[in-house]
Amino acid sequence: MSLLDEKMTSELANSLKKASGAARTSLEETVTRQTTRLRSSTKTRKSAATRERIMAAATSLMVERGNTDFQMSEVSSRCKMSKGALYYYFADKDALVEAIFDRSIDELVDSVEGAVAGASSALEALASLTRELTCRMSVGSPLALAMTREVIDANNNVLPSMETHFARIISIISAQLDRAKGEGMVREGVNSRLGAVTISGAFIFAALEVASLGEDAPTGDKLARSLIDIALNGMGTEAAHTTLAAVGHASSSSDAEPEKSSPQVSEQG
């Protein structure tokens, strides 16, 4: 073999060796990345499962006692974990209750969307979502208990806080009020968004009031019918409607009446 052939063979062998090494390195890096990703995914699933277990334990304590006056040590005991591990997932009790509240809102929205989706008319949809709201926000429910604490903790930001959490519910109700207008069941002049906020507010504060009434509180279908009746029929009698219409007409006439000009004094020549 010539010297040139030996050199080419040597270079080819070196090239193949380098290529093989690079391929091996690339394969090892790929395996490492996939292993890391798999471990991360497994850790994430375990973390999510642990959070759910903690929230379930806290929810059980809330429902059993009818309030949110539980201790974090009680939660850790039920979960059979140290308090340090518990605080890894939730900084304090407020964070835990807020997480329960947020999840309860998500579940409420899902149930309301399901109820509305199967309704053949706007009134049926409003009646269905009313039942879902009263059921989910019934006395002693996780949502009602967590919401009560949220209201207390919100201090002067109660309304903005509630509107933020109930934004999706408000949008659903607003859409159904628009639908009801098309079906001739709600007056065209009604502001659907404002109406939805009003109805949502009624449910929020009715739930808080009902929780304070205890056994004397109206619940279930009775509460749902009462709230939907007030929302659609109002509280005034025919006499009140007539008087209100007259007051509105008088006010409109007064606003439309032009200003009387001052009498002109004729100049004496």
C-alpha atoms as a PDB file:
ATOM      1  CA  MET A   1       0.000   0.000   0.000  1.00  0.00           C
ATOM      2  CA  SER A   2       1.335   3.454  -0.899  1.00  0.00           C
ATOM      3  CA  LEU A   3       2.014   6.125   1.647  1.00  0.00           C
ATOM      4  CA  LEU A   4      -0.895   8.160   0.233  1.00  0.00           C
ATOM      5  CA  ASP A   5      -3.335   5.268   0.631  1.00  0.00           C
ATOM      6  CA  GLU A   6      -2.205   4.740   4.222  1.00  0.00           C
ATOM      7  CA  LYS A   7      -2.746   8.434   4.990  1.00  0.00           C
ATOM      8  CA  MET A   8      -6.253   8.437   3.487  1.00  0.00           C
ATOM      9  CA  THR A   9      -7.167   5.268   5.372  1.00  0.00           C
ATOM     10  CA  SER A  10      -5.921   6.784   8.622  1.00  0.00           C
ATOM     11  CA  GLU A  11      -7.873  10.023   8.065  1.00  0.00           C
ATOM     12  CA  LEU A  12     -11.011   8.068   7.203  1.00  0.00           C
ATOM     13  CA  ALA A  13     -10.654   5.980  10.349  1.00  0.00           C
ATOM     14  CA  ASN A  14     -10.199   9.105  12.466  1.00  0.00           C
ATOM     15  CA  SER A  15     -13.243  10.737  10.866  1.00  0.00           C
ATOM     16  CA  LEU A  16     -15.362   7.668  11.540  1.00  0.00           C
ATOM     17  CA  LYS A  17     -14.116   7.570  15.103  1.00  0.00           C
ATOM     18  CA  LYS A  18     -14.997  11.248  15.651  1.00  0.00           C
ATOM     19  CA  ALA A  19     -18.418  10.793  14.051  1.00  0.00           C
ATOM     20  CA  SER A  20     -19.083   7.775  16.223  1.00  0.00           C
ATOM     21  CA  GLY A  21     -18.040   9.693  19.336  1.00  0.00           C
ATOM     22  CA  ALA A  22     -20.232  12.662  18.416  1.00  0.00           C
ATOM     23  CA  ALA A  23     -23.204  10.378  17.785  1.00  0.00           C
ATOM     24  CA  ARG A  24     -22.662   8.652  21.117  1.00  0.00           C
ATOM     25  CA  THR A  25     -22.445  12.007  22.909  1.00  0.00           C
ATOM     26  CA  SER A  26     -25.613  13.243  21.201  1.00  0.00           C
ATOM     27  CA  LEU A  27     -27.445  10.056  22.126  1.00  0.00           C
ATOM     28  CA  GLU A  28     -26.310  10.318  25.741  1.00  0.00           C
ATOM     29  CA  GLU A  29     -27.461  13.957  25.897  1.00  0.00           C
ATOM     30  CA  THR A  30     -30.842  13.005  24.425  1.00  0.00           C
ATOM     31  CA  VAL A  31     -31.283  10.201  26.940  1.00  0.00           C
ATOM     32  CA  THR A  32     -30.287  12.549  29.771  1.00  0.00           C
ATOM     33  CA  ARG A  33     -32.779  15.203  28.654  1.00  0.00           C
ATOM     34  CA  GLN A  34     -35.587  12.662  28.340  1.00  0.00           C
ATOM     35  CA  THR A  35     -34.780  11.185  31.744  1.00  0.00           C
ATOM     36  CA  THR A  36     -34.746  14.655  33.327  1.00  0.00           C
ATOM     37  CA  ARG A  37     -38.021  15.536  31.633  1.00  0.00           C
ATOM     38  CA  LEU A  38     -39.598  12.278  32.796  1.00  0.00           C
ATOM     39  CA  ARG A  39     -38.425  12.822  36.362  1.00  0.00           C
ATOM     40  CA  SER A  40     -39.705  16.404  36.270  1.00  0.00           C
ATOM     41  CA  SER A  41     -43.084  15.259  34.945  1.00  0.00           C
ATOM     42  CA  THR A  42     -43.327  12.579  37.624  1.00  0.00           C
ATOM     43  CA  LYS A  43     -42.376  15.101  40.305  1.00  0.00           C
ATOM     44  CA  THR A  44     -44.990  17.556  38.994  1.00  0.00           C
ATOM     45  CA  ARG A  45     -47.706  14.894  39.095  1.00  0.00           C
ATOM     46  CA  LYS A  46     -46.724  13.903  42.630  1.00  0.00           C
ATOM     47  CA  SER A  47     -46.685  17.567  43.665  1.00  0.00           C
ATOM     48  CA  ALA A  48     -50.164  18.137  42.190  1.00  0.00           C
ATOM     49  CA  ALA A  49     -51.468  14.989  43.896  1.00  0.00           C
ATOM     50  CA  THR A  50     -50.047  16.144  47.231  1.00  0.00           C
ATOM     51  CA  ARG A  51     -51.661  19.576  46.863  1.00  0.00           C
ATOM     52  CA  GLU A  52     -54.998  17.907  46.147  1.00  0.00           C
ATOM     53  CA  ARG A  53     -54.598  15.687  49.212  1.00  0.00           C
ATOM     54  CA  ILE A  54     -53.886  18.719  51.403  1.00  0.00           C
ATOM     55  CA  MET A  55     -56.848  20.655  49.995  1.00  0.00           C
ATOM     56  CA  ALA A  56     -59.150  17.651  50.473  1.00  0.00           C
ATOM     57  CA  ALA A  57     -58.109  17.346  54.124  1.00  0.00           C
ATOM     58  CA  ALA A  58     -58.651  21.061  54.771  1.00  0.00           C
ATOM     59  CA  THR A  59     -62.025  20.961  52.981  1.00  0.00           C
ATOM     60  CA  SER A  60     -63.136  18.055  55.172  1.00  0.00           C
ATOM     61  CA  LEU A  61     -62.230  20.019  58.304  1.00  0.00           C
ATOM     62  CA  MET A  62     -64.141  23.068  57.026  1.00  0.00           C
ATOM     63  CA  VAL A  63     -67.301  21.100  56.220  1.00  0.00           C
ATOM     64  CA  GLU A  64     -67.192  19.176  59.515  1.00  0.00           C
ATOM     65  CA  ARG A  65     -66.983  22.376  61.565  1.00  0.00           C
ATOM     66  CA  GLY A  66     -68.997  24.706  59.374  1.00  0.00           C
ATOM     67  CA  ASN A  67     -66.203  27.288  59.336  1.00  0.00           C
ATOM     68  CA  THR A  68     -62.571  27.813  58.370  1.00  0.00           C
ATOM     69  CA  ASP A  69     -61.232  27.772  61.936  1.00  0.00           C
ATOM     70  CA  PHE A  70     -58.905  24.825  61.466  1.00  0.00           C
ATOM     71  CA  GLN A  71     -55.215  24.647  62.301  1.00  0.00           C
ATOM     72  CA  MET A  72     -52.507  23.804  59.789  1.00  0.00           C
ATOM     73  CA  SER A  73     -51.234  21.184  62.241  1.00  0.00           C
ATOM     74  CA  GLU A  74     -54.599  19.401  61.920  1.00  0.00           C
ATOM     75  CA  VAL A  75     -54.248  19.340  58.153  1.00  0.00           C
ATOM     76  CA  SER A  76     -50.708  17.974  58.311  1.00  0.00           C
ATOM     77  CA  SER A  77     -51.865  15.325  60.785  1.00  0.00           C
ATOM     78  CA  ARG A  78     -54.653  14.180  58.470  1.00  0.00           C
ATOM     79  CA  CYS A  79     -52.253  14.065  55.545  1.00  0.00           C
ATOM     80  CA  LYS A  80     -49.642  12.250  57.650  1.00  0.00           C
ATOM     81  CA  MET A  81     -46.960  14.770  56.738  1.00  0.00           C
ATOM     82  CA  SER A  82     -44.801  17.223  58.655  1.00  0.00           C
ATOM     83  CA  LYS A  83     -45.834  20.864  59.018  1.00  0.00           C
ATOM     84  CA  GLY A  84     -42.650  21.815  57.178  1.00  0.00           C
ATOM     85  CA  ALA A  85     -43.699  19.733  54.187  1.00  0.00           C
ATOM     86  CA  LEU A  86     -47.188  21.269  54.359  1.00  0.00           C
ATOM     87  CA  TYR A  87     -45.792  24.806  54.282  1.00  0.00           C
ATOM     88  CA  TYR A  88     -43.756  23.852  51.200  1.00  0.00           C
ATOM     89  CA  TYR A  89     -47.041  23.607  49.291  1.00  0.00           C
ATOM     90  CA  PHE A  90     -49.004  26.391  51.029  1.00  0.00           C
ATOM     91  CA  ALA A  91     -47.373  29.387  52.694  1.00  0.00           C
ATOM     92  CA  ASP A  92     -50.149  29.720  55.294  1.00  0.00           C
ATOM     93  CA  LYS A  93     -53.794  28.950  55.990  1.00  0.00           C
ATOM     94  CA  ASP A  94     -55.001  31.925  53.958  1.00  0.00           C
ATOM     95  CA  ALA A  95     -53.217  30.575  50.884  1.00  0.00           C
ATOM     96  CA  LEU A  96     -54.771  27.145  51.463  1.00  0.00           C
ATOM     97  CA  VAL A  97     -58.312  28.514  51.859  1.00  0.00           C
ATOM     98  CA  GLU A  98     -57.849  30.717  48.791  1.00  0.00           C
ATOM     99  CA  ALA A  99     -56.787  27.670  46.764  1.00  0.00           C
ATOM    100  CA  ILE A 100     -59.930  25.845  47.918  1.00  0.00           C
ATOM    101  CA  PHE A 101     -62.009  28.895  46.979  1.00  0.00           C
ATOM    102  CA  ASP A 102     -60.448  29.118  43.509  1.00  0.00           C
ATOM    103  CA  ARG A 103     -60.999  25.419  42.866  1.00  0.00           C
ATOM    104  CA  SER A 104     -64.605  25.681  44.082  1.00  0.00           C
ATOM    105  CA  ILE A 105     -65.168  28.564  41.659  1.00  0.00           C
ATOM    106  CA  ASP A 106     -63.737  26.478  38.797  1.00  0.00           C
ATOM    107  CA  GLU A 107     -66.058  23.609  39.698  1.00  0.00           C
ATOM    108  CA  LEU A 108     -68.989  26.042  39.930  1.00  0.00           C
ATOM    109  CA  VAL A 109     -68.263  27.446  36.478  1.00  0.00           C
ATOM    110  CA  ASP A 110     -68.006  23.946  34.998  1.00  0.00           C
ATOM    111  CA  SER A 111     -71.355  22.938  36.508  1.00  0.00           C
ATOM    112  CA  VAL A 112     -73.053  26.166  35.380  1.00  0.00           C
ATOM    113  CA  GLU A 113     -71.695  25.810  31.848  1.00  0.00           C
ATOM    114  CA  GLY A 114     -72.988  22.236  31.743  1.00  0.00           C
ATOM    115  CA  ALA A 115     -76.426  23.297  32.969  1.00  0.00           C
ATOM    116  CA  VAL A 116     -76.671  26.148  30.469  1.00  0.00           C
ATOM    117  CA  ALA A 117     -75.451  24.036  27.538  1.00  0.00           C
ATOM    118  CA  GLY A 118     -78.380  21.632  27.866  1.00  0.00           C
ATOM    119  CA  ALA A 119     -81.067  24.319  28.229  1.00  0.00           C
ATOM    120  CA  SER A 120     -83.577  24.778  25.395  1.00  0.00           C
ATOM    121  CA  SER A 121     -84.408  28.383  26.327  1.00  0.00           C
ATOM    122  CA  ALA A 122     -82.941  31.330  28.192  1.00  0.00           C
ATOM    123  CA  LEU A 123     -85.411  30.972  31.061  1.00  0.00           C
ATOM    124  CA  GLU A 124     -84.567  27.295  31.412  1.00  0.00           C
ATOM    125  CA  ALA A 125     -80.869  28.201  31.374  1.00  0.00           C
ATOM    126  CA  LEU A 126     -81.350  30.894  34.035  1.00  0.00           C
ATOM    127  CA  ALA A 127     -83.377  28.497  36.186  1.00  0.00           C
ATOM    128  CA  SER A 128     -80.733  25.772  35.802  1.00  0.00           C
ATOM    129  CA  LEU A 129     -77.789  28.025  36.625  1.00  0.00           C
ATOM    130  CA  THR A 130     -79.749  29.408  39.578  1.00  0.00           C
ATOM    131  CA  ARG A 131     -80.154  25.895  40.973  1.00  0.00           C
ATOM    132  CA  GLU A 132     -76.445  25.208  40.441  1.00  0.00           C
ATOM    133  CA  LEU A 133     -75.482  28.435  42.193  1.00  0.00           C
ATOM    134  CA  THR A 134     -77.749  27.794  45.180  1.00  0.00           C
ATOM    135  CA  CYS A 135     -76.559  24.184  45.427  1.00  0.00           C
ATOM    136  CA  ARG A 136     -72.850  25.013  45.215  1.00  0.00           C
ATOM    137  CA  MET A 137     -73.212  28.003  47.536  1.00  0.00           C
ATOM    138  CA  SER A 138     -75.453  26.268  50.064  1.00  0.00           C
ATOM    139  CA  VAL A 139     -74.918  26.532  53.807  1.00  0.00           C
ATOM    140  CA  GLY A 140     -71.768  24.722  54.866  1.00  0.00           C
ATOM    141  CA  SER A 141     -70.497  24.117  51.330  1.00  0.00           C
ATOM    142  CA  PRO A 142     -66.743  24.556  50.740  1.00  0.00           C
ATOM    143  CA  LEU A 143     -67.454  27.475  48.385  1.00  0.00           C
ATOM    144  CA  ALA A 144     -69.686  29.317  50.865  1.00  0.00           C
ATOM    145  CA  LEU A 145     -67.255  28.772  53.745  1.00  0.00           C
ATOM    146  CA  ALA A 146     -64.182  29.778  51.740  1.00  0.00           C
ATOM    147  CA  MET A 147     -66.007  32.766  50.247  1.00  0.00           C
ATOM    148  CA  THR A 148     -66.967  34.012  53.705  1.00  0.00           C
ATOM    149  CA  ARG A 149     -63.296  34.025  54.700  1.00  0.00           C
ATOM    150  CA  GLU A 150     -62.342  35.694  51.411  1.00  0.00           C
ATOM    151  CA  VAL A 151     -64.839  38.489  52.102  1.00  0.00           C
ATOM    152  CA  ILE A 152     -63.481  38.969  55.624  1.00  0.00           C
ATOM    153  CA  ASP A 153     -59.866  39.024  54.408  1.00  0.00           C
ATOM    154  CA  ALA A 154     -60.652  41.360  51.496  1.00  0.00           C
ATOM    155  CA  ASN A 155     -61.317  44.270  53.920  1.00  0.00           C
ATOM    156  CA  ASN A 156     -62.185  47.270  51.735  1.00  0.00           C
ATOM    157  CA  ASN A 157     -61.740  45.353  48.486  1.00  0.00           C
ATOM    158  CA  VAL A 158     -64.748  43.027  48.860  1.00  0.00           C
ATOM    159  CA  LEU A 159     -66.588  43.951  45.658  1.00  0.00           C
ATOM    160  CA  PRO A 160     -63.536  44.028  43.340  1.00  0.00           C
ATOM    161  CA  SER A 161     -62.380  40.724  44.827  1.00  0.00           C
ATOM    162  CA  MET A 162     -65.762  39.028  44.310  1.00  0.00           C
ATOM    163  CA  GLU A 163     -66.180  40.423  40.785  1.00  0.00           C
ATOM    164  CA  THR A 164     -62.736  39.094  39.854  1.00  0.00           C
ATOM    165  CA  HIS A 165     -63.560  35.598  41.082  1.00  0.00           C
ATOM    166  CA  PHE A 166     -67.072  35.574  39.614  1.00  0.00           C
ATOM    167  CA  ALA A 167     -66.157  37.192  36.274  1.00  0.00           C
ATOM    168  CA  ARG A 168     -66.905  34.035  34.263  1.00  0.00           C
ATOM    169  CA  ILE A 169     -70.239  33.515  36.018  1.00  0.00           C
ATOM    170  CA  ILE A 170     -71.168  37.132  35.249  1.00  0.00           C
ATOM    171  CA  SER A 171     -70.313  36.609  31.569  1.00  0.00           C
ATOM    172  CA  ILE A 172     -72.472  33.460  31.405  1.00  0.00           C
ATOM    173  CA  ILE A 173     -75.468  35.202  33.005  1.00  0.00           C
ATOM    174  CA  SER A 174     -75.011  38.249  30.754  1.00  0.00           C
ATOM    175  CA  ALA A 175     -75.087  36.022  27.660  1.00  0.00           C
ATOM    176  CA  GLN A 176     -78.287  34.343  28.866  1.00  0.00           C
ATOM    177  CA  LEU A 177     -79.940  37.722  29.490  1.00  0.00           C
ATOM    178  CA  ASP A 178     -79.086  38.712  25.908  1.00  0.00           C
ATOM    179  CA  ARG A 179     -80.579  35.413  24.781  1.00  0.00           C
ATOM    180  CA  ALA A 180     -83.701  36.112  26.859  1.00  0.00           C
ATOM    181  CA  LYS A 181     -84.120  39.463  25.106  1.00  0.00           C
ATOM    182  CA  GLY A 182     -84.197  37.670  21.768  1.00  0.00           C
ATOM    183  CA  GLU A 183     -86.849  35.321  23.146  1.00  0.00           C
ATOM    184  CA  GLY A 184     -88.945  38.230  24.409  1.00  0.00           C
ATOM    185  CA  MET A 185     -88.448  37.360  28.076  1.00  0.00           C
ATOM    186  CA  VAL A 186     -86.308  40.329  29.134  1.00  0.00           C
ATOM    187  CA  ARG A 187     -86.853  43.974  28.213  1.00  0.00           C
ATOM    188  CA  GLU A 188     -84.629  45.236  25.416  1.00  0.00           C
ATOM    189  CA  GLY A 189     -83.636  48.277  27.446  1.00  0.00           C
ATOM    190  CA  VAL A 190     -82.087  46.203  30.236  1.00  0.00           C
ATOM    191  CA  ASN A 191     -78.294  46.406  30.462  1.00  0.00           C
ATOM    192  CA  SER A 192     -77.347  42.706  30.373  1.00  0.00           C
ATOM    193  CA  ARG A 193     -73.948  43.204  31.985  1.00  0.00           C
ATOM    194  CA  LEU A 194     -75.375  45.273  34.834  1.00  0.00           C
ATOM    195  CA  GLY A 195     -78.196  42.759  35.238  1.00  0.00           C
ATOM    196  CA  ALA A 196     -75.686  39.896  35.432  1.00  0.00           C
ATOM    197  CA  VAL A 197     -73.643  41.718  38.080  1.00  0.00           C
ATOM    198  CA  THR A 198     -76.843  42.380  40.046  1.00  0.00           C
ATOM    199  CA  ILE A 199     -77.906  38.728  39.934  1.00  0.00           C
ATOM    200  CA  SER A 200     -74.401  37.518  40.835  1.00  0.00           C
ATOM    201  CA  GLY A 201     -74.234  39.971  43.710  1.00  0.00           C
ATOM    202  CA  ALA A 202     -77.599  38.731  44.957  1.00  0.00           C
ATOM    203  CA  PHE A 203     -76.302  35.166  45.053  1.00  0.00           C
ATOM    204  CA  ILE A 204     -73.038  36.131  46.737  1.00  0.00           C
ATOM    205  CA  PHE A 205     -74.615  38.101  49.551  1.00  0.00           C
ATOM    206  CA  ALA A 206     -77.620  35.785  49.804  1.00  0.00           C
ATOM    207  CA  ALA A 207     -75.182  32.927  50.385  1.00  0.00           C
ATOM    208  CA  LEU A 208     -73.437  34.919  53.113  1.00  0.00           C
ATOM    209  CA  GLU A 209     -76.756  35.868  54.724  1.00  0.00           C
ATOM    210  CA  VAL A 210     -78.135  32.339  54.440  1.00  0.00           C
ATOM    211  CA  ALA A 211     -74.995  31.011  56.120  1.00  0.00           C
ATOM    212  CA  SER A 212     -75.647  33.308  59.080  1.00  0.00           C
ATOM    213  CA  LEU A 213     -79.324  32.260  59.401  1.00  0.00           C
ATOM    214  CA  GLY A 214     -78.469  28.612  60.020  1.00  0.00           C
ATOM    215  CA  GLU A 215     -81.420  26.210  60.134  1.00  0.00           C
ATOM    216  CA  ASP A 216     -83.985  28.965  59.425  1.00  0.00           C
ATOM    217  CA  ALA A 217     -82.390  29.775  56.077  1.00  0.00           C
ATOM    218  CA  PRO A 218     -84.204  29.025  52.789  1.00  0.00           C
ATOM    219  CA  THR A 219     -82.211  26.500  50.798  1.00  0.00           C
ATOM    220  CA  GLY A 220     -82.192  24.521  47.566  1.00  0.00           C
ATOM    221  CA  ASP A 221     -85.028  25.031  45.097  1.00  0.00           C
ATOM    222  CA  LYS A 222     -86.894  27.364  47.459  1.00  0.00           C
ATOM    223  CA  LEU A 223     -83.974  29.789  47.566  1.00  0.00           C
ATOM    224  CA  ALA A 224     -83.406  29.414  43.822  1.00  0.00           C
ATOM    225  CA  ARG A 225     -87.055  30.208  43.027  1.00  0.00           C
ATOM    226  CA  SER A 226     -87.034  33.209  45.365  1.00  0.00           C
ATOM    227  CA  LEU A 227     -83.925  34.701  43.794  1.00  0.00           C
ATOM    228  CA  ILE A 228     -84.995  34.127  40.182  1.00  0.00           C
ATOM    229  CA  ASP A 229     -88.441  35.584  40.998  1.00  0.00           C
ATOM    230  CA  ILE A 230     -86.860  38.737  42.402  1.00  0.00           C
ATOM    231  CA  ALA A 231     -84.490  38.962  39.429  1.00  0.00           C
ATOM    232  CA  LEU A 232     -87.173  38.647  36.747  1.00  0.00           C
ATOM    233  CA  ASN A 233     -90.338  39.936  38.445  1.00  0.00           C
ATOM    234  CA  GLY A 234     -88.806  42.437  40.818  1.00  0.00           C
ATOM    235  CA  MET A 235     -90.188  43.351  44.238  1.00  0.00           C
ATOM    236  CA  GLY A 236     -92.587  46.171  43.362  1.00  0.00           C
ATOM    237  CA  THR A 237     -96.356  45.889  42.940  1.00  0.00           C
ATOM    238  CA  GLU A 238     -98.318  47.197  39.949  1.00  0.00           C
ATOM    239  CA  ALA A 239     -98.959  50.352  41.944  1.00  0.00           C
ATOM    240  CA  ALA A 240     -95.219  50.806  42.430  1.00  0.00           C
ATOM    241  CA  HIS A 241     -94.574  50.281  38.716  1.00  0.00           C
ATOM    242  CA  THR A 242     -97.263  52.848  37.818  1.00  0.00           C
ATOM    243  CA  THR A 243     -95.883  55.377  40.288  1.00  0.00           C
ATOM    244  CA  LEU A 244     -92.321  54.817  39.085  1.00  0.00           C
ATOM    245  CA  ALA A 245     -93.404  55.286  35.471  1.00  0.00           C
ATOM    246  CA  ALA A 246     -95.196  58.522  36.392  1.00  0.00           C
ATOM    247  CA  VAL A 247     -92.158  59.827  38.261  1.00  0.00           C
ATOM    248  CA  GLY A 248     -89.940  58.948  35.322  1.00  0.00           C
ATOM    249  CA  HIS A 249     -92.309  60.671  32.887  1.00  0.00           C
ATOM    250  CA  ALA A 250     -92.456  63.808  35.027  1.00  0.00           C
ATOM    251  CA  SER A 251     -88.677  63.870  35.289  1.00  0.00           C
ATOM    252  CA  SER A 252     -88.297  63.483  31.526  1.00  0.00           C
ATOM    253  CA  SER A 253     -90.807  66.264  30.880  1.00  0.00           C
ATOM    254  CA  SER A 254     -89.000  68.556  33.299  1.00  0.00           C
ATOM    255  CA  ASP A 255     -85.668  67.880  31.615  1.00  0.00           C
ATOM    256  CA  ALA A 256     -87.136  68.503  28.177  1.00  0.00           C
ATOM    257  CA  GLU A 257     -88.916  71.765  29.112  1.00  0.00           C
ATOM    258  CA  PRO A 258     -87.029  74.776  27.672  1.00  0.00           C
ATOM    259  CA  GLU A 259     -85.965  77.588  29.938  1.00  0.00           C
ATOM    260  CA  LYS A 260     -88.400  80.454  30.059  1.00  0.00           C
ATOM    261  CA  SER A 261     -86.814  83.677  28.916  1.00  0.00           C
ATOM    262  CA  SER A 262     -86.986  86.713  31.143  1.00  0.00           C
ATOM    263  CA  PRO A 263     -89.715  89.161  30.151  1.00  0.00           C
ATOM    264  CA  GLN A 264     -88.412  92.008  28.045  1.00  0.00           C
ATOM    265  CA  VAL A 265     -89.045  95.478  29.362  1.00  0.00           C
ATOM    266  CA  SER A 266     -89.983  97.730  26.503  1.00  0.00           C
ATOM    267  CA  GLU A 267     -88.100 100.954  26.322  1.00  0.00           C
ATOM    268  CA  GLN A 268     -90.183 104.081  26.597  1.00  0.00           C
ATOM    269  CA  GLY A 269     -89.441 106.517  23.927  1.00  0.00           C
END
